């Protein structure tokens, strides 16, 4: 899945076993790009796993936990999170 926004020379990429999570990962990748280039402040980005307010879910979210495509703890980090982790170590 890809996210493109006019005016930005970047394509957010997201992969997953289902479309919803792939879209979420692509959007998250693009948002992290915006943070890296200083377009938005990292404090303005919701934490991973934090869902929209109750009753404000785009797809109804029946029976779901309201998270944004939480990744399994045993899996590898997506590229945008690897970059963020490496930046924190320097």
N, C-alpha and C. Protein backbone atom coordinates (compact mmCIF):
# COMPACT_ATOMS: atom_id res chain seq x y z
N UNK A 1 0.85 -1.16 0.00
CA UNK A 1 0.00 0.00 0.00
C UNK A 1 0.90 1.24 0.00
N UNK A 2 0.46 2.28 -0.67
CA UNK A 2 1.24 3.51 -0.77
C UNK A 2 0.37 4.72 -0.41
N UNK A 3 1.01 5.73 0.17
CA UNK A 3 0.36 7.01 0.44
C UNK A 3 1.19 8.09 -0.24
N UNK A 4 0.54 8.87 -1.09
CA UNK A 4 1.20 10.00 -1.75
C UNK A 4 0.40 11.26 -1.45
N UNK A 5 1.11 12.36 -1.23
CA UNK A 5 0.47 13.64 -0.95
C UNK A 5 1.10 14.68 -1.86
N UNK A 6 0.26 15.41 -2.61
CA UNK A 6 0.76 16.47 -3.47
C UNK A 6 1.59 17.46 -2.68
N UNK A 7 2.71 17.86 -3.24
CA UNK A 7 3.59 18.82 -2.59
C UNK A 7 4.71 18.19 -1.78
N UNK A 8 4.69 16.87 -1.63
CA UNK A 8 5.74 16.17 -0.89
C UNK A 8 6.37 15.12 -1.79
N UNK A 9 7.69 15.09 -1.81
CA UNK A 9 8.43 14.15 -2.64
C UNK A 9 8.74 12.90 -1.82
N UNK A 10 7.69 12.22 -1.35
CA UNK A 10 7.85 11.03 -0.54
C UNK A 10 6.63 10.14 -0.73
N UNK A 11 6.84 8.84 -0.71
CA UNK A 11 5.74 7.88 -0.80
C UNK A 11 5.77 7.04 0.47
N UNK A 12 4.72 7.12 1.26
CA UNK A 12 4.61 6.30 2.46
C UNK A 12 4.30 4.86 2.05
N UNK A 13 5.02 3.91 2.61
CA UNK A 13 4.84 2.50 2.25
C UNK A 13 4.33 1.72 3.46
N UNK A 14 3.42 0.79 3.18
CA UNK A 14 2.90 -0.06 4.25
C UNK A 14 2.59 -1.45 3.74
N UNK A 15 3.02 -2.45 4.47
CA UNK A 15 2.73 -3.84 4.14
C UNK A 15 2.10 -4.51 5.34
N UNK A 16 1.22 -5.47 5.06
CA UNK A 16 0.61 -6.26 6.12
C UNK A 16 -0.12 -7.42 5.48
N UNK A 17 -0.66 -8.27 6.32
CA UNK A 17 -1.43 -9.41 5.81
C UNK A 17 -2.86 -9.01 5.48
N UNK A 18 -3.27 -7.79 5.86
CA UNK A 18 -4.61 -7.32 5.48
C UNK A 18 -4.55 -5.86 5.05
N UNK A 19 -5.54 -5.47 4.27
CA UNK A 19 -5.55 -4.14 3.66
C UNK A 19 -5.60 -3.01 4.70
N UNK A 20 -6.42 -3.18 5.71
CA UNK A 20 -6.56 -2.13 6.72
C UNK A 20 -5.23 -1.83 7.41
N UNK A 21 -4.53 -2.87 7.82
CA UNK A 21 -3.24 -2.66 8.48
C UNK A 21 -2.20 -2.11 7.53
N UNK A 22 -2.24 -2.52 6.26
CA UNK A 22 -1.30 -2.00 5.27
C UNK A 22 -1.53 -0.50 5.07
N UNK A 23 -2.79 -0.08 5.02
CA UNK A 23 -3.11 1.34 4.89
C UNK A 23 -2.63 2.12 6.11
N UNK A 24 -2.86 1.55 7.28
CA UNK A 24 -2.43 2.20 8.52
C UNK A 24 -0.91 2.33 8.56
N UNK A 25 -0.20 1.28 8.17
CA UNK A 25 1.26 1.32 8.18
C UNK A 25 1.79 2.34 7.17
N UNK A 26 1.16 2.45 6.01
CA UNK A 26 1.58 3.44 5.01
C UNK A 26 1.36 4.86 5.54
N UNK A 27 0.21 5.08 6.16
CA UNK A 27 -0.07 6.40 6.73
C UNK A 27 0.92 6.73 7.84
N UNK A 28 1.21 5.74 8.69
CA UNK A 28 2.16 5.94 9.79
C UNK A 28 3.55 6.26 9.23
N UNK A 29 3.95 5.57 8.17
CA UNK A 29 5.24 5.83 7.53
C UNK A 29 5.30 7.27 7.03
N UNK A 30 4.21 7.74 6.39
CA UNK A 30 4.19 9.10 5.87
C UNK A 30 4.24 10.12 7.01
N UNK A 31 3.50 9.87 8.07
CA UNK A 31 3.52 10.79 9.22
C UNK A 31 4.91 10.85 9.83
N UNK A 32 5.57 9.70 9.95
CA UNK A 32 6.93 9.71 10.49
C UNK A 32 7.90 10.45 9.57
N UNK A 33 7.67 10.41 8.27
CA UNK A 33 8.47 11.21 7.33
C UNK A 33 8.26 12.70 7.64
N UNK A 34 7.00 13.10 7.84
CA UNK A 34 6.71 14.50 8.14
C UNK A 34 7.40 14.95 9.42
N UNK A 35 7.49 14.07 10.40
CA UNK A 35 8.20 14.39 11.64
C UNK A 35 9.70 14.54 11.35
N UNK A 36 10.26 13.60 10.57
CA UNK A 36 11.71 13.64 10.28
C UNK A 36 12.12 14.92 9.55
N UNK A 37 11.26 15.42 8.65
CA UNK A 37 11.62 16.62 7.90
C UNK A 37 11.17 17.90 8.59
N UNK A 38 10.57 17.77 9.79
CA UNK A 38 10.20 18.95 10.57
C UNK A 38 8.88 19.60 10.18
N UNK A 39 8.05 18.93 9.40
CA UNK A 39 6.76 19.50 9.01
C UNK A 39 5.77 19.47 10.18
N UNK A 40 5.89 18.45 11.03
CA UNK A 40 5.05 18.37 12.22
C UNK A 40 5.91 17.97 13.41
N UNK A 41 5.43 18.27 14.59
CA UNK A 41 6.15 17.95 15.82
C UNK A 41 5.80 16.53 16.25
N UNK A 42 6.77 15.76 16.69
CA UNK A 42 6.53 14.38 17.12
C UNK A 42 5.49 14.30 18.23
N UNK A 43 5.40 15.33 19.05
CA UNK A 43 4.43 15.35 20.15
C UNK A 43 2.99 15.41 19.63
N UNK A 44 2.81 15.83 18.38
CA UNK A 44 1.47 15.92 17.81
C UNK A 44 0.98 14.58 17.24
N UNK A 45 1.86 13.59 17.20
CA UNK A 45 1.51 12.29 16.62
C UNK A 45 1.03 11.37 17.74
N UNK A 46 -0.18 10.79 17.58
CA UNK A 46 -0.66 9.86 18.61
C UNK A 46 0.27 8.66 18.75
N UNK A 47 0.35 8.12 19.95
CA UNK A 47 1.19 6.95 20.19
C UNK A 47 0.64 5.75 19.43
N UNK A 48 1.53 4.82 19.09
CA UNK A 48 1.13 3.60 18.39
C UNK A 48 0.19 2.82 19.29
N UNK A 49 -0.91 2.35 18.69
CA UNK A 49 -1.88 1.58 19.44
C UNK A 49 -2.99 2.41 20.05
N UNK A 50 -2.91 3.73 19.92
CA UNK A 50 -3.96 4.60 20.43
C UNK A 50 -4.98 4.80 19.33
N UNK A 51 -6.20 4.46 19.60
CA UNK A 51 -7.26 4.56 18.60
C UNK A 51 -7.97 5.89 18.66
N UNK A 52 -8.87 6.12 17.71
CA UNK A 52 -9.67 7.35 17.72
C UNK A 52 -10.65 7.30 18.89
N UNK A 53 -11.20 8.44 19.28
CA UNK A 53 -12.16 8.45 20.39
C UNK A 53 -13.33 7.51 20.09
N UNK A 54 -13.92 6.95 21.13
CA UNK A 54 -15.04 6.02 20.96
C UNK A 54 -16.13 6.67 20.13
N UNK A 55 -16.71 5.90 19.21
CA UNK A 55 -17.76 6.42 18.34
C UNK A 55 -17.23 7.18 17.15
N UNK A 56 -15.92 7.33 17.02
CA UNK A 56 -15.34 8.10 15.93
C UNK A 56 -14.54 7.21 15.00
N UNK A 57 -14.81 5.90 14.99
CA UNK A 57 -14.06 4.98 14.15
C UNK A 57 -14.60 5.02 12.74
N UNK A 58 -13.71 5.03 11.76
CA UNK A 58 -14.09 5.15 10.37
C UNK A 58 -14.87 3.96 9.85
N UNK A 59 -14.54 2.75 10.28
CA UNK A 59 -15.18 1.56 9.72
C UNK A 59 -16.12 0.90 10.72
N UNK A 60 -16.51 1.59 11.76
CA UNK A 60 -17.39 1.01 12.75
C UNK A 60 -16.64 0.28 13.83
N UNK A 61 -15.62 -0.46 13.49
CA UNK A 61 -14.75 -1.12 14.45
C UNK A 61 -15.45 -2.12 15.34
N UNK A 62 -16.58 -2.70 14.90
CA UNK A 62 -17.30 -3.64 15.75
C UNK A 62 -16.41 -4.81 16.14
N UNK A 63 -16.30 -5.03 17.42
CA UNK A 63 -15.54 -6.17 17.92
C UNK A 63 -14.04 -5.98 17.88
N UNK A 64 -13.56 -4.79 17.55
CA UNK A 64 -12.12 -4.55 17.48
C UNK A 64 -11.68 -3.72 18.68
N UNK A 65 -10.39 -3.71 18.93
CA UNK A 65 -9.88 -2.99 20.09
C UNK A 65 -9.67 -1.52 19.84
N UNK A 66 -9.90 -1.04 18.62
CA UNK A 66 -9.75 0.37 18.31
C UNK A 66 -8.33 0.80 18.05
N UNK A 67 -7.36 -0.12 18.03
CA UNK A 67 -5.96 0.22 17.78
C UNK A 67 -5.71 0.48 16.32
N UNK A 68 -4.53 0.96 16.02
CA UNK A 68 -4.14 1.25 14.64
C UNK A 68 -3.18 0.20 14.13
N UNK A 69 -3.67 -1.00 13.87
CA UNK A 69 -2.82 -2.03 13.29
C UNK A 69 -1.65 -2.39 14.17
N UNK A 70 -1.89 -2.70 15.41
CA UNK A 70 -0.79 -3.05 16.32
C UNK A 70 0.04 -4.19 15.74
N UNK A 71 1.33 -4.05 15.84
CA UNK A 71 2.24 -5.06 15.34
C UNK A 71 2.52 -6.08 16.43
N UNK A 72 2.70 -7.34 16.05
CA UNK A 72 3.03 -8.34 17.06
C UNK A 72 4.39 -8.03 17.67
N UNK A 73 4.55 -8.23 18.98
CA UNK A 73 5.81 -7.87 19.63
C UNK A 73 7.00 -8.70 19.17
N UNK A 74 6.75 -9.89 18.61
CA UNK A 74 7.86 -10.75 18.20
C UNK A 74 8.34 -10.46 16.77
N UNK A 75 7.61 -9.64 16.02
CA UNK A 75 7.96 -9.38 14.62
C UNK A 75 9.00 -8.29 14.49
N UNK A 76 9.58 -8.17 13.28
CA UNK A 76 10.57 -7.11 13.04
C UNK A 76 9.88 -5.74 12.98
N UNK A 77 10.62 -4.70 13.32
CA UNK A 77 10.09 -3.35 13.25
C UNK A 77 9.99 -2.90 11.80
N UNK A 78 8.95 -2.12 11.45
CA UNK A 78 8.88 -1.54 10.11
C UNK A 78 10.00 -0.51 9.94
N UNK A 79 10.37 -0.22 8.69
CA UNK A 79 11.52 0.68 8.44
C UNK A 79 11.43 2.02 9.15
N UNK A 80 10.25 2.63 9.20
CA UNK A 80 10.16 3.95 9.82
C UNK A 80 10.41 3.89 11.33
N UNK A 81 10.08 2.75 11.96
CA UNK A 81 10.36 2.62 13.39
C UNK A 81 11.81 2.29 13.65
N UNK A 82 12.45 1.58 12.71
CA UNK A 82 13.88 1.27 12.84
C UNK A 82 14.66 2.59 12.80
N UNK A 83 14.30 3.48 11.89
CA UNK A 83 14.97 4.77 11.77
C UNK A 83 14.80 5.56 13.07
N UNK A 84 13.57 5.56 13.62
CA UNK A 84 13.30 6.29 14.84
C UNK A 84 14.13 5.72 16.01
N UNK A 85 14.22 4.38 16.08
CA UNK A 85 15.00 3.74 17.15
C UNK A 85 16.48 4.06 17.02
N UNK A 86 17.00 4.07 15.79
CA UNK A 86 18.42 4.37 15.57
C UNK A 86 18.70 5.83 15.94
N UNK A 87 17.79 6.73 15.66
CA UNK A 87 17.99 8.14 16.00
C UNK A 87 18.05 8.32 17.52
N UNK A 88 17.27 7.52 18.25
CA UNK A 88 17.26 7.61 19.71
C UNK A 88 18.54 7.12 20.33
N UNK A 89 19.31 6.26 19.63
CA UNK A 89 20.56 5.73 20.16
C UNK A 89 21.75 6.64 19.95
N UNK A 90 21.61 7.63 19.05
CA UNK A 90 22.78 8.49 18.77
C UNK A 90 22.93 9.61 19.74
